Amino acid sequence: MSMNGRVPSDKRICVVCHKEKTLSEFKSRAYKDRRHYNNTCLDCYHTKMNKYYEKNKHVWKAKWKENPEHHLMLMKKYFAKLKVETLTAYGGKCVCCGEKEFRFLTIEHSRHDGTEHRKRVGQQIYKDLRRRGYPKDEGITVLCWNCNMATRYGEECPHQKIKEGE
C-alpha cells in the first residue's frame, strides 16, 4: 500500500485474505470494452467455489445426468476456447511449416519432457500452461499434427528436409 493509504491502480486488496495483489491475480470479465475485476483474488475465489462444489456435488451430478449431451457440448466448447487461447499465446502457427488452422495445431515440448508434464498435471496441459501465465522458457512451441508426429522419435521433419534441399 502506498503512503497515502491508497492502492496503486495496478494492484488491489482481496476482501477475503486482505492481501495486496496484482490485477492479474483477480478474476475479471470484459464489460462494455473495459476490464472489470472482482474484489476477491483467484486463490480465495477458487477455494470458495471448491467448497461450494463439495457441498452441492449431488446437485451438479443430478444436472449432469439430466442432460449429459448439453454438458458435453459445454465442455467441448470450453476446451476449444482454451486450446485457441493457449496456441495463440505461443504464436498461433506451426513453427515448422507455418500451418495456422487451429484444428491441426498442437503443443510441442521441444525438450521432450511432455510425458513428465502430463504425469504432473494429468491431461490438462492447456489449463496448466494458462494457470502459470504461458511460460516461455520451458521449451513449449506450437507444431501442426503432421510435424509433431514426424519429429516424435527424434526424426527430422520432412519440411526441414525440403528447406535444406532448396
C-alpha atoms as a PDB file:
ATOM      1  CA  MET A   1       0.000   0.000   0.000  1.00  0.00           C
ATOM      2  CA  SER A   2       1.253   3.499  -0.743  1.00  0.00           C
ATOM      3  CA  MET A   3       1.933   6.260   1.782  1.00  0.00           C
ATOM      4  CA  ASN A   4      -1.481   7.936   1.416  1.00  0.00           C
ATOM      5  CA  GLY A   5      -3.329   4.663   2.150  1.00  0.00           C
ATOM      6  CA  ARG A   6      -4.398   4.121  -1.444  1.00  0.00           C
ATOM      7  CA  VAL A   7      -3.588   1.040  -3.504  1.00  0.00           C
ATOM      8  CA  PRO A   8      -1.794   1.605  -6.845  1.00  0.00           C
ATOM      9  CA  SER A   9      -4.091   1.199  -9.878  1.00  0.00           C
ATOM     10  CA  ASP A  10      -2.320  -1.985 -10.997  1.00  0.00           C
ATOM     11  CA  LYS A  11      -2.955  -3.634  -7.612  1.00  0.00           C
ATOM     12  CA  ARG A  12      -5.930  -4.484  -5.462  1.00  0.00           C
ATOM     13  CA  ILE A  13      -6.567  -5.810  -1.942  1.00  0.00           C
ATOM     14  CA  CYS A  14      -8.564  -9.034  -1.665  1.00  0.00           C
ATOM     15  CA  VAL A  15     -11.612  -8.658   0.599  1.00  0.00           C
ATOM     16  CA  VAL A  16     -11.198 -12.229   1.885  1.00  0.00           C
ATOM     17  CA  CYS A  17      -7.479 -12.709   2.583  1.00  0.00           C
ATOM     18  CA  HIS A  18      -6.708  -8.941   2.823  1.00  0.00           C
ATOM     19  CA  LYS A  19      -3.511  -9.311   0.785  1.00  0.00           C
ATOM     20  CA  GLU A  20      -2.400  -6.779  -1.814  1.00  0.00           C
ATOM     21  CA  LYS A  21      -2.093  -8.471  -5.198  1.00  0.00           C
ATOM     22  CA  THR A  22      -1.687  -7.524  -8.853  1.00  0.00           C
ATOM     23  CA  LEU A  23      -4.787  -7.289 -11.047  1.00  0.00           C
ATOM     24  CA  SER A  24      -3.763 -10.459 -12.902  1.00  0.00           C
ATOM     25  CA  GLU A  25      -4.388 -12.351  -9.644  1.00  0.00           C
ATOM     26  CA  PHE A  26      -8.076 -11.328  -9.625  1.00  0.00           C
ATOM     27  CA  LYS A  27     -10.979 -12.804 -11.573  1.00  0.00           C
ATOM     28  CA  SER A  28     -12.005 -10.422 -14.323  1.00  0.00           C
ATOM     29  CA  ARG A  29     -14.518 -10.051 -17.120  1.00  0.00           C
ATOM     30  CA  ALA A  30     -14.979  -7.749 -20.083  1.00  0.00           C
ATOM     31  CA  TYR A  31     -17.916  -5.382 -19.978  1.00  0.00           C
ATOM     32  CA  LYS A  32     -18.524  -2.555 -22.450  1.00  0.00           C
ATOM     33  CA  ASP A  33     -14.937  -2.531 -23.776  1.00  0.00           C
ATOM     34  CA  ARG A  34     -13.440  -2.380 -20.274  1.00  0.00           C
ATOM     35  CA  ARG A  35     -11.983  -4.912 -17.877  1.00  0.00           C
ATOM     36  CA  HIS A  36     -13.764  -5.268 -14.528  1.00  0.00           C
ATOM     37  CA  TYR A  37     -12.083  -7.048 -11.623  1.00  0.00           C
ATOM     38  CA  ASN A  38     -13.683  -8.847  -8.691  1.00  0.00           C
ATOM     39  CA  ASN A  39     -12.804  -7.897  -5.126  1.00  0.00           C
ATOM     40  CA  THR A  40     -11.794 -11.494  -4.384  1.00  0.00           C
ATOM     41  CA  CYS A  41      -8.444 -12.859  -5.586  1.00  0.00           C
ATOM     42  CA  LEU A  42      -8.367 -16.027  -7.695  1.00  0.00           C
ATOM     43  CA  ASP A  43      -6.979 -18.140  -4.841  1.00  0.00           C
ATOM     44  CA  CYS A  44      -9.829 -17.177  -2.494  1.00  0.00           C
ATOM     45  CA  TYR A  45     -12.382 -17.443  -5.292  1.00  0.00           C
ATOM     46  CA  HIS A  46     -11.267 -20.985  -6.190  1.00  0.00           C
ATOM     47  CA  THR A  47     -11.255 -22.020  -2.521  1.00  0.00           C
ATOM     48  CA  LYS A  48     -14.818 -20.696  -2.150  1.00  0.00           C
ATOM     49  CA  MET A  49     -16.009 -22.416  -5.338  1.00  0.00           C
ATOM     50  CA  ASN A  50     -14.389 -25.736  -4.394  1.00  0.00           C
ATOM     51  CA  LYS A  51     -16.156 -25.647  -1.014  1.00  0.00           C
ATOM     52  CA  TYR A  52     -19.443 -24.794  -2.753  1.00  0.00           C
ATOM     53  CA  TYR A  53     -18.999 -27.654  -5.231  1.00  0.00           C
ATOM     54  CA  GLU A  54     -18.165 -30.170  -2.497  1.00  0.00           C
ATOM     55  CA  LYS A  55     -21.225 -29.092  -0.520  1.00  0.00           C
ATOM     56  CA  ASN A  56     -23.516 -29.272  -3.588  1.00  0.00           C
ATOM     57  CA  LYS A  57     -21.888 -32.089  -5.548  1.00  0.00           C
ATOM     58  CA  HIS A  58     -25.107 -34.114  -5.579  1.00  0.00           C
ATOM     59  CA  VAL A  59     -26.958 -31.256  -7.335  1.00  0.00           C
ATOM     60  CA  TRP A  60     -24.309 -30.980 -10.047  1.00  0.00           C
ATOM     61  CA  LYS A  61     -24.267 -34.731 -10.615  1.00  0.00           C
ATOM     62  CA  ALA A  62     -28.066 -34.738 -10.952  1.00  0.00           C
ATOM     63  CA  LYS A  63     -27.900 -31.909 -13.521  1.00  0.00           C
ATOM     64  CA  TRP A  64     -25.257 -33.811 -15.465  1.00  0.00           C
ATOM     65  CA  LYS A  65     -27.433 -36.939 -15.553  1.00  0.00           C
ATOM     66  CA  GLU A  66     -30.474 -34.942 -16.674  1.00  0.00           C
ATOM     67  CA  ASN A  67     -28.782 -33.620 -19.794  1.00  0.00           C
ATOM     68  CA  PRO A  68     -25.354 -35.146 -20.466  1.00  0.00           C
ATOM     69  CA  GLU A  69     -25.266 -34.023 -24.120  1.00  0.00           C
ATOM     70  CA  HIS A  70     -25.588 -30.381 -23.083  1.00  0.00           C
ATOM     71  CA  HIS A  71     -22.760 -30.672 -20.557  1.00  0.00           C
ATOM     72  CA  LEU A  72     -20.519 -32.477 -23.045  1.00  0.00           C
ATOM     73  CA  MET A  73     -21.183 -29.703 -25.574  1.00  0.00           C
ATOM     74  CA  LEU A  74     -20.237 -27.083 -22.955  1.00  0.00           C
ATOM     75  CA  MET A  75     -17.037 -28.958 -22.105  1.00  0.00           C
ATOM     76  CA  LYS A  76     -16.057 -29.229 -25.788  1.00  0.00           C
ATOM     77  CA  LYS A  77     -16.718 -25.518 -26.278  1.00  0.00           C
ATOM     78  CA  TYR A  78     -14.628 -24.647 -23.200  1.00  0.00           C
ATOM     79  CA  PHE A  79     -11.756 -26.881 -24.305  1.00  0.00           C
ATOM     80  CA  ALA A  80     -11.778 -25.447 -27.855  1.00  0.00           C
ATOM     81  CA  LYS A  81     -11.616 -21.900 -26.461  1.00  0.00           C
ATOM     82  CA  LEU A  82      -8.815 -22.862 -24.057  1.00  0.00           C
ATOM     83  CA  LYS A  83      -6.852 -24.542 -26.858  1.00  0.00           C
ATOM     84  CA  VAL A  84      -7.108 -21.488 -29.146  1.00  0.00           C
ATOM     85  CA  GLU A  85      -6.101 -19.196 -26.267  1.00  0.00           C
ATOM     86  CA  THR A  86      -3.068 -21.360 -25.431  1.00  0.00           C
ATOM     87  CA  LEU A  87      -1.914 -21.822 -29.023  1.00  0.00           C
ATOM     88  CA  THR A  88      -2.296 -18.083 -29.672  1.00  0.00           C
ATOM     89  CA  ALA A  89      -0.149 -17.335 -26.625  1.00  0.00           C
ATOM     90  CA  TYR A  90       2.622 -19.475 -28.159  1.00  0.00           C
ATOM     91  CA  GLY A  91       2.464 -17.951 -31.641  1.00  0.00           C
ATOM     92  CA  GLY A  92      -0.687 -19.402 -33.195  1.00  0.00           C
ATOM     93  CA  LYS A  93       1.051 -21.223 -36.055  1.00  0.00           C
ATOM     94  CA  CYS A  94       3.316 -24.201 -36.649  1.00  0.00           C
ATOM     95  CA  VAL A  95       6.933 -23.163 -36.165  1.00  0.00           C
ATOM     96  CA  CYS A  96       7.990 -25.679 -38.832  1.00  0.00           C
ATOM     97  CA  CYS A  97       5.570 -25.303 -41.749  1.00  0.00           C
ATOM     98  CA  GLY A  98       3.507 -22.233 -40.788  1.00  0.00           C
ATOM     99  CA  GLU A  99       0.111 -24.033 -40.615  1.00  0.00           C
ATOM    100  CA  LYS A 100      -2.470 -21.734 -38.932  1.00  0.00           C
ATOM    101  CA  GLU A 101      -5.591 -23.923 -38.753  1.00  0.00           C
ATOM    102  CA  PHE A 102      -6.184 -24.414 -35.012  1.00  0.00           C
ATOM    103  CA  ARG A 103      -7.772 -27.835 -35.529  1.00  0.00           C
ATOM    104  CA  PHE A 104      -4.405 -29.111 -36.779  1.00  0.00           C
ATOM    105  CA  LEU A 105      -2.160 -27.426 -34.186  1.00  0.00           C
ATOM    106  CA  THR A 106      -0.751 -28.998 -31.019  1.00  0.00           C
ATOM    107  CA  ILE A 107       1.596 -28.103 -28.196  1.00  0.00           C
ATOM    108  CA  GLU A 108       5.122 -29.474 -28.588  1.00  0.00           C
ATOM    109  CA  HIS A 109       7.557 -29.967 -25.721  1.00  0.00           C
ATOM    110  CA  SER A 110      10.814 -29.269 -27.562  1.00  0.00           C
ATOM    111  CA  ARG A 111      12.805 -30.635 -24.604  1.00  0.00           C
ATOM    112  CA  HIS A 112      10.899 -33.928 -24.984  1.00  0.00           C
ATOM    113  CA  ASP A 113       9.519 -33.696 -21.437  1.00  0.00           C
ATOM    114  CA  GLY A 114       5.830 -33.909 -22.381  1.00  0.00           C
ATOM    115  CA  THR A 115       5.381 -37.237 -20.597  1.00  0.00           C
ATOM    116  CA  GLU A 116       6.642 -35.761 -17.325  1.00  0.00           C
ATOM    117  CA  HIS A 117       4.388 -32.735 -17.824  1.00  0.00           C
ATOM    118  CA  ARG A 118       1.343 -34.989 -18.344  1.00  0.00           C
ATOM    119  CA  LYS A 119       2.257 -37.072 -15.273  1.00  0.00           C
ATOM    120  CA  ARG A 120       2.445 -33.884 -13.231  1.00  0.00           C
ATOM    121  CA  VAL A 121      -0.819 -32.258 -14.407  1.00  0.00           C
ATOM    122  CA  GLY A 122      -2.798 -35.101 -15.976  1.00  0.00           C
ATOM    123  CA  GLN A 123      -4.415 -34.399 -19.326  1.00  0.00           C
ATOM    124  CA  GLN A 124      -4.876 -30.701 -18.502  1.00  0.00           C
ATOM    125  CA  ILE A 125      -1.755 -29.294 -20.148  1.00  0.00           C
ATOM    126  CA  TYR A 126      -3.514 -26.268 -21.680  1.00  0.00           C
ATOM    127  CA  LYS A 127      -5.110 -25.439 -18.341  1.00  0.00           C
ATOM    128  CA  ASP A 128      -1.769 -25.767 -16.539  1.00  0.00           C
ATOM    129  CA  LEU A 129       0.005 -23.506 -19.034  1.00  0.00           C
ATOM    130  CA  ARG A 130      -2.712 -20.840 -18.715  1.00  0.00           C
ATOM    131  CA  ARG A 131      -2.654 -21.016 -14.910  1.00  0.00           C
ATOM    132  CA  ARG A 132       1.106 -20.400 -14.960  1.00  0.00           C
ATOM    133  CA  GLY A 133       0.866 -17.479 -17.399  1.00  0.00           C
ATOM    134  CA  TYR A 134       2.082 -19.330 -20.517  1.00  0.00           C
ATOM    135  CA  PRO A 135       5.752 -19.667 -19.530  1.00  0.00           C
ATOM    136  CA  LYS A 136       8.059 -19.026 -22.485  1.00  0.00           C
ATOM    137  CA  ASP A 137      11.209 -20.569 -21.002  1.00  0.00           C
ATOM    138  CA  GLU A 138      10.041 -24.194 -20.792  1.00  0.00           C
ATOM    139  CA  GLY A 139      10.586 -25.181 -24.419  1.00  0.00           C
ATOM    140  CA  ILE A 140       6.889 -25.122 -25.344  1.00  0.00           C
ATOM    141  CA  THR A 141       6.241 -24.497 -29.043  1.00  0.00           C
ATOM    142  CA  VAL A 142       3.386 -24.987 -31.496  1.00  0.00           C
ATOM    143  CA  LEU A 143       3.554 -27.638 -34.204  1.00  0.00           C
ATOM    144  CA  CYS A 144       0.898 -28.955 -36.547  1.00  0.00           C
ATOM    145  CA  TRP A 145      -0.033 -32.601 -36.044  1.00  0.00           C
ATOM    146  CA  ASN A 146       1.972 -33.753 -39.084  1.00  0.00           C
ATOM    147  CA  CYS A 147       5.175 -32.010 -37.978  1.00  0.00           C
ATOM    148  CA  ASN A 148       4.654 -33.190 -34.389  1.00  0.00           C
ATOM    149  CA  MET A 149       4.278 -36.827 -35.452  1.00  0.00           C
ATOM    150  CA  ALA A 150       7.189 -36.595 -37.919  1.00  0.00           C
ATOM    151  CA  THR A 151       9.558 -35.409 -35.164  1.00  0.00           C
ATOM    152  CA  ARG A 152       8.140 -37.674 -32.470  1.00  0.00           C
ATOM    153  CA  TYR A 153      11.045 -40.120 -32.269  1.00  0.00           C
ATOM    154  CA  GLY A 154      13.888 -37.672 -32.856  1.00  0.00           C
ATOM    155  CA  GLU A 155      13.468 -37.703 -36.627  1.00  0.00           C
ATOM    156  CA  GLU A 156      13.800 -34.585 -38.730  1.00  0.00           C
ATOM    157  CA  CYS A 157      10.567 -33.137 -40.101  1.00  0.00           C
ATOM    158  CA  PRO A 158      10.107 -33.590 -43.881  1.00  0.00           C
ATOM    159  CA  HIS A 159       9.525 -29.824 -44.133  1.00  0.00           C
ATOM    160  CA  GLN A 160      13.054 -29.228 -42.851  1.00  0.00           C
ATOM    161  CA  LYS A 161      14.475 -31.704 -45.373  1.00  0.00           C
ATOM    162  CA  ILE A 162      12.662 -29.843 -48.178  1.00  0.00           C
ATOM    163  CA  LYS A 163      14.039 -26.483 -46.950  1.00  0.00           C
ATOM    164  CA  GLU A 164      17.571 -27.891 -46.819  1.00  0.00           C
ATOM    165  CA  GLY A 165      17.261 -29.206 -50.392  1.00  0.00           C
ATOM    166  CA  GLU A 166      16.389 -25.757 -51.795  1.00  0.00           C
END
